[in-house]
């Protein structure tokens, strides 16, 4: 089925960038185990380049017919038999959704520990996601613009507040204990990028320069990871390895003028 572009490529990559920011908030020992976080600075560079390799066949397929997404191509080539592959693709994203909700549960219960029911919060999250899906891609894209602005503002404030807490003594030589942590970091960063595969569906729905969008989005994603690693290691040192969610912990110790926590 022919897809009519309904949003800009900038809006597509804004949504994907927000998705990655949310994932970065749960970055920590819960998902990476006892891996050396400081070595993940190298992992970010490696993952940045690997992501381009993963995106290349997706973009190549898109450039052959910019009006068809991957599901259209599968159905066009394989007919009804292609519905099996489309079903697998849909199931994959359902698994990703369940994984995200599970991590959210752990994050709320272990880091935030709110005075209200975690089950209720999870239910609200799912309802909001369903409502956003019901309203459609254009509504999600418009909403993401406002969320992106507030998120960038929050990141800037967090960076400024933690910068004064950074101690150079906390930075040890990279890969001092070998490259195992680098490998684990690459596996984590690539595996936590389901939005890359979402491009196979979203690219035909956007207007504008996709190449520039892909490069800027990928660059900013891993620049953000690198900044997070530098800030949490520089400000917390070895204390970071005792925290399930060090990014959230670091946000609690930062201070910028009259702004705190």
Protein backbone atom coordinates (compact mmCIF):
# COMPACT_ATOMS: atom_id res chain seq x y z
CA UNK A 1 0.00 0.00 0.00
CA UNK A 2 1.35 3.41 -0.96
CA UNK A 3 2.37 5.60 1.96
CA UNK A 4 1.75 9.34 1.82
CA UNK A 5 4.33 11.33 3.81
CA UNK A 6 2.44 12.87 6.71
CA UNK A 7 5.21 14.19 8.99
CA UNK A 8 8.70 15.60 8.51
CA UNK A 9 11.86 13.54 8.80
CA UNK A 10 12.84 15.83 11.68
CA UNK A 11 9.75 14.75 13.59
CA UNK A 12 10.54 11.09 12.95
CA UNK A 13 14.02 11.41 14.37
CA UNK A 14 12.79 13.58 17.25
CA UNK A 15 10.52 10.71 18.34
CA UNK A 16 13.36 8.20 18.00
CA UNK A 17 15.73 10.48 19.92
CA UNK A 18 13.23 10.80 22.79
CA UNK A 19 12.88 7.02 22.82
CA UNK A 20 16.63 6.67 23.19
CA UNK A 21 16.75 9.25 25.99
CA UNK A 22 14.13 7.31 27.95
CA UNK A 23 16.22 4.14 27.53
CA UNK A 24 19.34 5.97 28.71
CA UNK A 25 17.63 6.81 32.01
CA UNK A 26 17.63 3.08 32.88
CA UNK A 27 21.30 2.69 31.96
CA UNK A 28 23.09 0.92 34.80
CA UNK A 29 23.99 -2.34 36.50
CA UNK A 30 20.46 -3.74 36.16
CA UNK A 31 21.07 -4.23 32.42
CA UNK A 32 24.87 -4.22 32.09
CA UNK A 33 25.80 -6.23 35.20
CA UNK A 34 29.30 -5.61 36.56
CA UNK A 35 30.63 -4.21 33.30
CA UNK A 36 33.06 -1.27 33.56
CA UNK A 37 30.93 1.75 32.62
CA UNK A 38 33.96 3.92 31.86
CA UNK A 39 35.00 1.52 29.07
CA UNK A 40 31.59 2.05 27.51
CA UNK A 41 32.93 5.36 26.25
CA UNK A 42 34.74 3.28 23.62
CA UNK A 43 31.59 1.19 23.17
CA UNK A 44 29.67 4.35 22.25
CA UNK A 45 32.11 5.10 19.41
CA UNK A 46 31.96 1.51 18.13
CA UNK A 47 28.15 1.40 18.40
CA UNK A 48 27.91 4.72 16.54
CA UNK A 49 29.66 3.15 13.53
CA UNK A 50 27.84 -0.19 13.79
CA UNK A 51 24.47 1.57 13.79
CA UNK A 52 25.26 3.01 10.36
CA UNK A 53 25.97 -0.52 9.10
CA UNK A 54 22.61 -1.71 10.46
CA UNK A 55 20.74 1.24 8.96
CA UNK A 56 22.39 0.98 5.52
CA UNK A 57 20.28 -1.96 4.19
CA UNK A 58 17.15 -0.32 5.65
CA UNK A 59 17.90 2.93 3.82
CA UNK A 60 18.88 1.04 0.66
CA UNK A 61 15.51 -0.73 0.63
CA UNK A 62 13.72 2.56 1.25
CA UNK A 63 15.59 4.33 -1.59
CA UNK A 64 14.42 1.69 -4.10
CA UNK A 65 10.81 2.75 -3.56
CA UNK A 66 10.26 5.65 -1.19
CA UNK A 67 6.51 5.00 -1.03
CA UNK A 68 6.74 1.52 0.48
CA UNK A 69 7.87 0.37 3.93
CA UNK A 70 9.31 -3.02 4.79
CA UNK A 71 5.91 -4.61 5.37
CA UNK A 72 4.68 -3.43 1.97
CA UNK A 73 7.79 -4.85 0.34
CA UNK A 74 7.39 -8.21 2.07
CA UNK A 75 3.77 -8.49 1.01
CA UNK A 76 4.57 -7.33 -2.53
CA UNK A 77 7.33 -9.94 -2.95
CA UNK A 78 5.82 -12.90 -1.10
CA UNK A 79 2.10 -12.32 -1.13
CA UNK A 80 0.12 -13.94 1.66
CA UNK A 81 3.16 -16.04 2.67
CA UNK A 82 4.83 -12.78 3.64
CA UNK A 83 2.26 -12.33 6.40
CA UNK A 84 4.32 -14.80 8.44
CA UNK A 85 7.35 -12.47 8.36
CA UNK A 86 5.14 -9.46 9.08
CA UNK A 87 3.70 -11.33 12.06
CA UNK A 88 7.23 -12.03 13.36
CA UNK A 89 8.06 -8.33 12.97
CA UNK A 90 4.97 -7.35 14.97
CA UNK A 91 5.70 -9.95 17.67
CA UNK A 92 9.25 -8.59 17.96
CA UNK A 93 7.91 -5.15 18.79
CA UNK A 94 5.42 -6.55 21.27
CA UNK A 95 8.32 -8.25 23.05
CA UNK A 96 10.19 -4.94 23.06
CA UNK A 97 7.13 -3.27 24.59
CA UNK A 98 6.90 -5.90 27.35
CA UNK A 99 10.63 -5.52 28.01
CA UNK A 100 10.28 -1.73 28.25
CA UNK A 101 7.39 -1.99 30.70
CA UNK A 102 9.35 -4.50 32.82
CA UNK A 103 12.38 -2.18 32.97
CA UNK A 104 10.07 0.74 33.79
CA UNK A 105 8.62 -1.29 36.68
CA UNK A 106 12.11 -1.98 38.05
CA UNK A 107 13.12 1.64 37.62
CA UNK A 108 10.07 3.00 39.45
CA UNK A 109 10.20 0.45 42.27
CA UNK A 110 13.97 0.62 42.90
CA UNK A 111 14.84 4.22 42.09
CA UNK A 112 11.76 6.43 42.44
CA UNK A 113 9.77 4.36 44.96
CA UNK A 114 6.61 6.52 44.68
CA UNK A 115 3.89 6.56 47.37
CA UNK A 116 1.31 5.23 44.87
CA UNK A 117 0.83 1.81 43.33
CA UNK A 118 3.46 0.81 40.77
CA UNK A 119 0.89 -1.40 39.06
CA UNK A 120 -1.34 1.65 38.65
CA UNK A 121 1.53 3.68 37.17
CA UNK A 122 2.31 0.87 34.73
CA UNK A 123 -1.35 0.68 33.75
CA UNK A 124 -1.41 4.45 33.13
CA UNK A 125 1.73 4.16 30.98
CA UNK A 126 0.14 1.46 28.83
CA UNK A 127 -3.12 3.43 28.50
CA UNK A 128 -1.16 6.53 27.41
CA UNK A 129 0.73 4.47 24.83
CA UNK A 130 -2.50 3.02 23.48
CA UNK A 131 -4.10 6.46 23.35
CA UNK A 132 -1.12 7.85 21.45
CA UNK A 133 -1.35 4.96 18.99
CA UNK A 134 -5.07 5.63 18.56
CA UNK A 135 -4.49 9.33 17.80
CA UNK A 136 -1.99 8.43 15.08
CA UNK A 137 1.51 9.28 13.94
CA UNK A 138 0.87 12.98 13.29
CA UNK A 139 -0.39 13.57 16.83
CA UNK A 140 2.60 11.69 18.27
CA UNK A 141 4.98 13.72 16.12
CA UNK A 142 3.50 17.06 17.22
CA UNK A 143 3.60 16.02 20.87
CA UNK A 144 7.20 14.83 20.55
CA UNK A 145 8.27 18.35 19.55
CA UNK A 146 7.18 19.78 22.91
CA UNK A 147 8.63 16.81 24.80
CA UNK A 148 11.94 17.18 22.95
CA UNK A 149 12.27 20.85 23.87
CA UNK A 150 11.66 20.19 27.57
CA UNK A 151 13.94 17.15 27.48
CA UNK A 152 16.83 19.06 25.91
CA UNK A 153 16.38 21.80 28.52
CA UNK A 154 16.52 19.16 31.28
CA UNK A 155 19.65 17.56 29.80
CA UNK A 156 21.41 20.94 29.62
CA UNK A 157 20.52 21.73 33.25
CA UNK A 158 21.67 18.26 34.34
CA UNK A 159 24.96 18.63 32.45
CA UNK A 160 25.66 22.07 33.93
CA UNK A 161 24.78 20.93 37.45
CA UNK A 162 27.03 17.85 37.33
CA UNK A 163 29.95 19.50 35.55
CA UNK A 164 31.14 21.20 38.74
CA UNK A 165 31.04 17.83 40.54
CA UNK A 166 33.37 16.08 38.07
CA UNK A 167 36.68 14.97 39.61
CA UNK A 168 39.47 14.09 37.11
CA UNK A 169 40.82 11.49 39.57
CA UNK A 170 37.75 9.36 38.87
CA UNK A 171 38.83 8.80 35.26
CA UNK A 172 41.03 5.71 34.94
CA UNK A 173 42.78 4.57 31.72
CA UNK A 174 40.36 3.15 29.17
CA UNK A 175 40.32 -0.66 28.82
CA UNK A 176 42.69 -0.95 31.80
CA UNK A 177 41.33 -4.44 32.56
CA UNK A 178 40.92 -5.59 28.95
CA UNK A 179 38.27 -5.10 26.29
CA UNK A 180 35.52 -7.34 27.70
CA UNK A 181 33.57 -4.37 29.05
CA UNK A 182 33.78 -2.67 25.66
CA UNK A 183 32.17 -5.72 24.03
CA UNK A 184 29.46 -5.84 26.69
CA UNK A 185 28.81 -2.13 26.20
CA UNK A 186 28.42 -2.55 22.44
CA UNK A 187 26.01 -5.45 22.93
CA UNK A 188 23.96 -3.36 25.37
CA UNK A 189 23.83 -0.23 23.20
CA UNK A 190 22.95 -2.05 20.00
CA UNK A 191 20.40 -4.34 21.66
CA UNK A 192 18.68 -1.32 23.24
CA UNK A 193 18.09 0.29 19.83
CA UNK A 194 14.77 -1.11 18.58
CA UNK A 195 14.07 2.32 17.09
CA UNK A 196 16.65 1.52 14.39
CA UNK A 197 14.39 -1.20 13.01
CA UNK A 198 11.42 1.14 13.33
CA UNK A 199 12.99 3.18 10.53
CA UNK A 200 12.06 0.39 8.11
CA UNK A 201 8.42 1.32 8.75
CA UNK A 202 8.69 5.05 9.44
CA UNK A 203 10.96 6.33 6.63
CA UNK A 204 8.25 6.38 3.91
CA UNK A 205 6.01 8.41 6.21
CA UNK A 206 8.38 11.34 6.50
CA UNK A 207 9.16 14.28 4.23
CA UNK A 208 12.62 15.80 3.95
CA UNK A 209 16.26 14.76 3.90
CA UNK A 210 16.48 11.30 5.48
CA UNK A 211 20.28 10.98 5.16
CA UNK A 212 20.91 14.11 7.20
CA UNK A 213 18.30 13.02 9.74
CA UNK A 214 19.91 9.60 10.16
CA UNK A 215 23.39 11.06 10.66
CA UNK A 216 22.34 13.81 13.08
CA UNK A 217 20.12 11.45 15.08
CA UNK A 218 22.78 8.73 15.36
CA UNK A 219 25.48 11.26 16.25
CA UNK A 220 23.39 12.92 18.97
CA UNK A 221 22.30 9.58 20.44
CA UNK A 222 25.84 8.37 21.07
CA UNK A 223 27.10 11.82 21.99
CA UNK A 224 24.43 11.75 24.70
CA UNK A 225 25.63 8.33 25.87
CA UNK A 226 29.23 9.56 25.95
CA UNK A 227 28.22 12.65 27.95
CA UNK A 228 26.23 10.54 30.41
CA UNK A 229 29.17 8.20 30.96
CA UNK A 230 31.63 11.07 31.49
CA UNK A 231 29.32 12.90 33.89
CA UNK A 232 28.27 9.97 36.07
CA UNK A 233 31.79 8.52 36.31
CA UNK A 234 33.38 11.94 36.85
CA UNK A 235 30.90 12.98 39.54
CA UNK A 236 30.31 9.65 41.31
CA UNK A 237 33.49 7.60 40.79
CA UNK A 238 33.28 3.99 41.98
CA UNK A 239 30.03 4.80 43.79
CA UNK A 240 28.35 4.50 40.39
CA UNK A 241 28.77 0.71 40.47
CA UNK A 242 26.64 0.41 43.59
CA UNK A 243 23.64 2.02 41.88
CA UNK A 244 21.05 0.19 39.77
CA UNK A 245 20.21 3.43 37.95
CA UNK A 246 23.22 5.79 38.25
CA UNK A 247 21.80 8.37 35.82
CA UNK A 248 18.83 8.93 38.11
CA UNK A 249 21.12 9.01 41.14
CA UNK A 250 23.39 11.57 39.48
CA UNK A 251 20.37 13.75 38.71
CA UNK A 252 19.65 13.82 42.44
CA UNK A 253 23.09 15.11 43.45
CA UNK A 254 23.34 17.87 40.87
CA UNK A 255 22.79 21.53 41.68
CA UNK A 256 22.63 24.56 39.40
CA UNK A 257 22.12 27.87 41.19
CA UNK A 258 18.73 27.74 42.91
CA UNK A 259 17.85 24.53 41.02
CA UNK A 260 18.54 21.30 42.88
CA UNK A 261 17.67 17.60 42.38
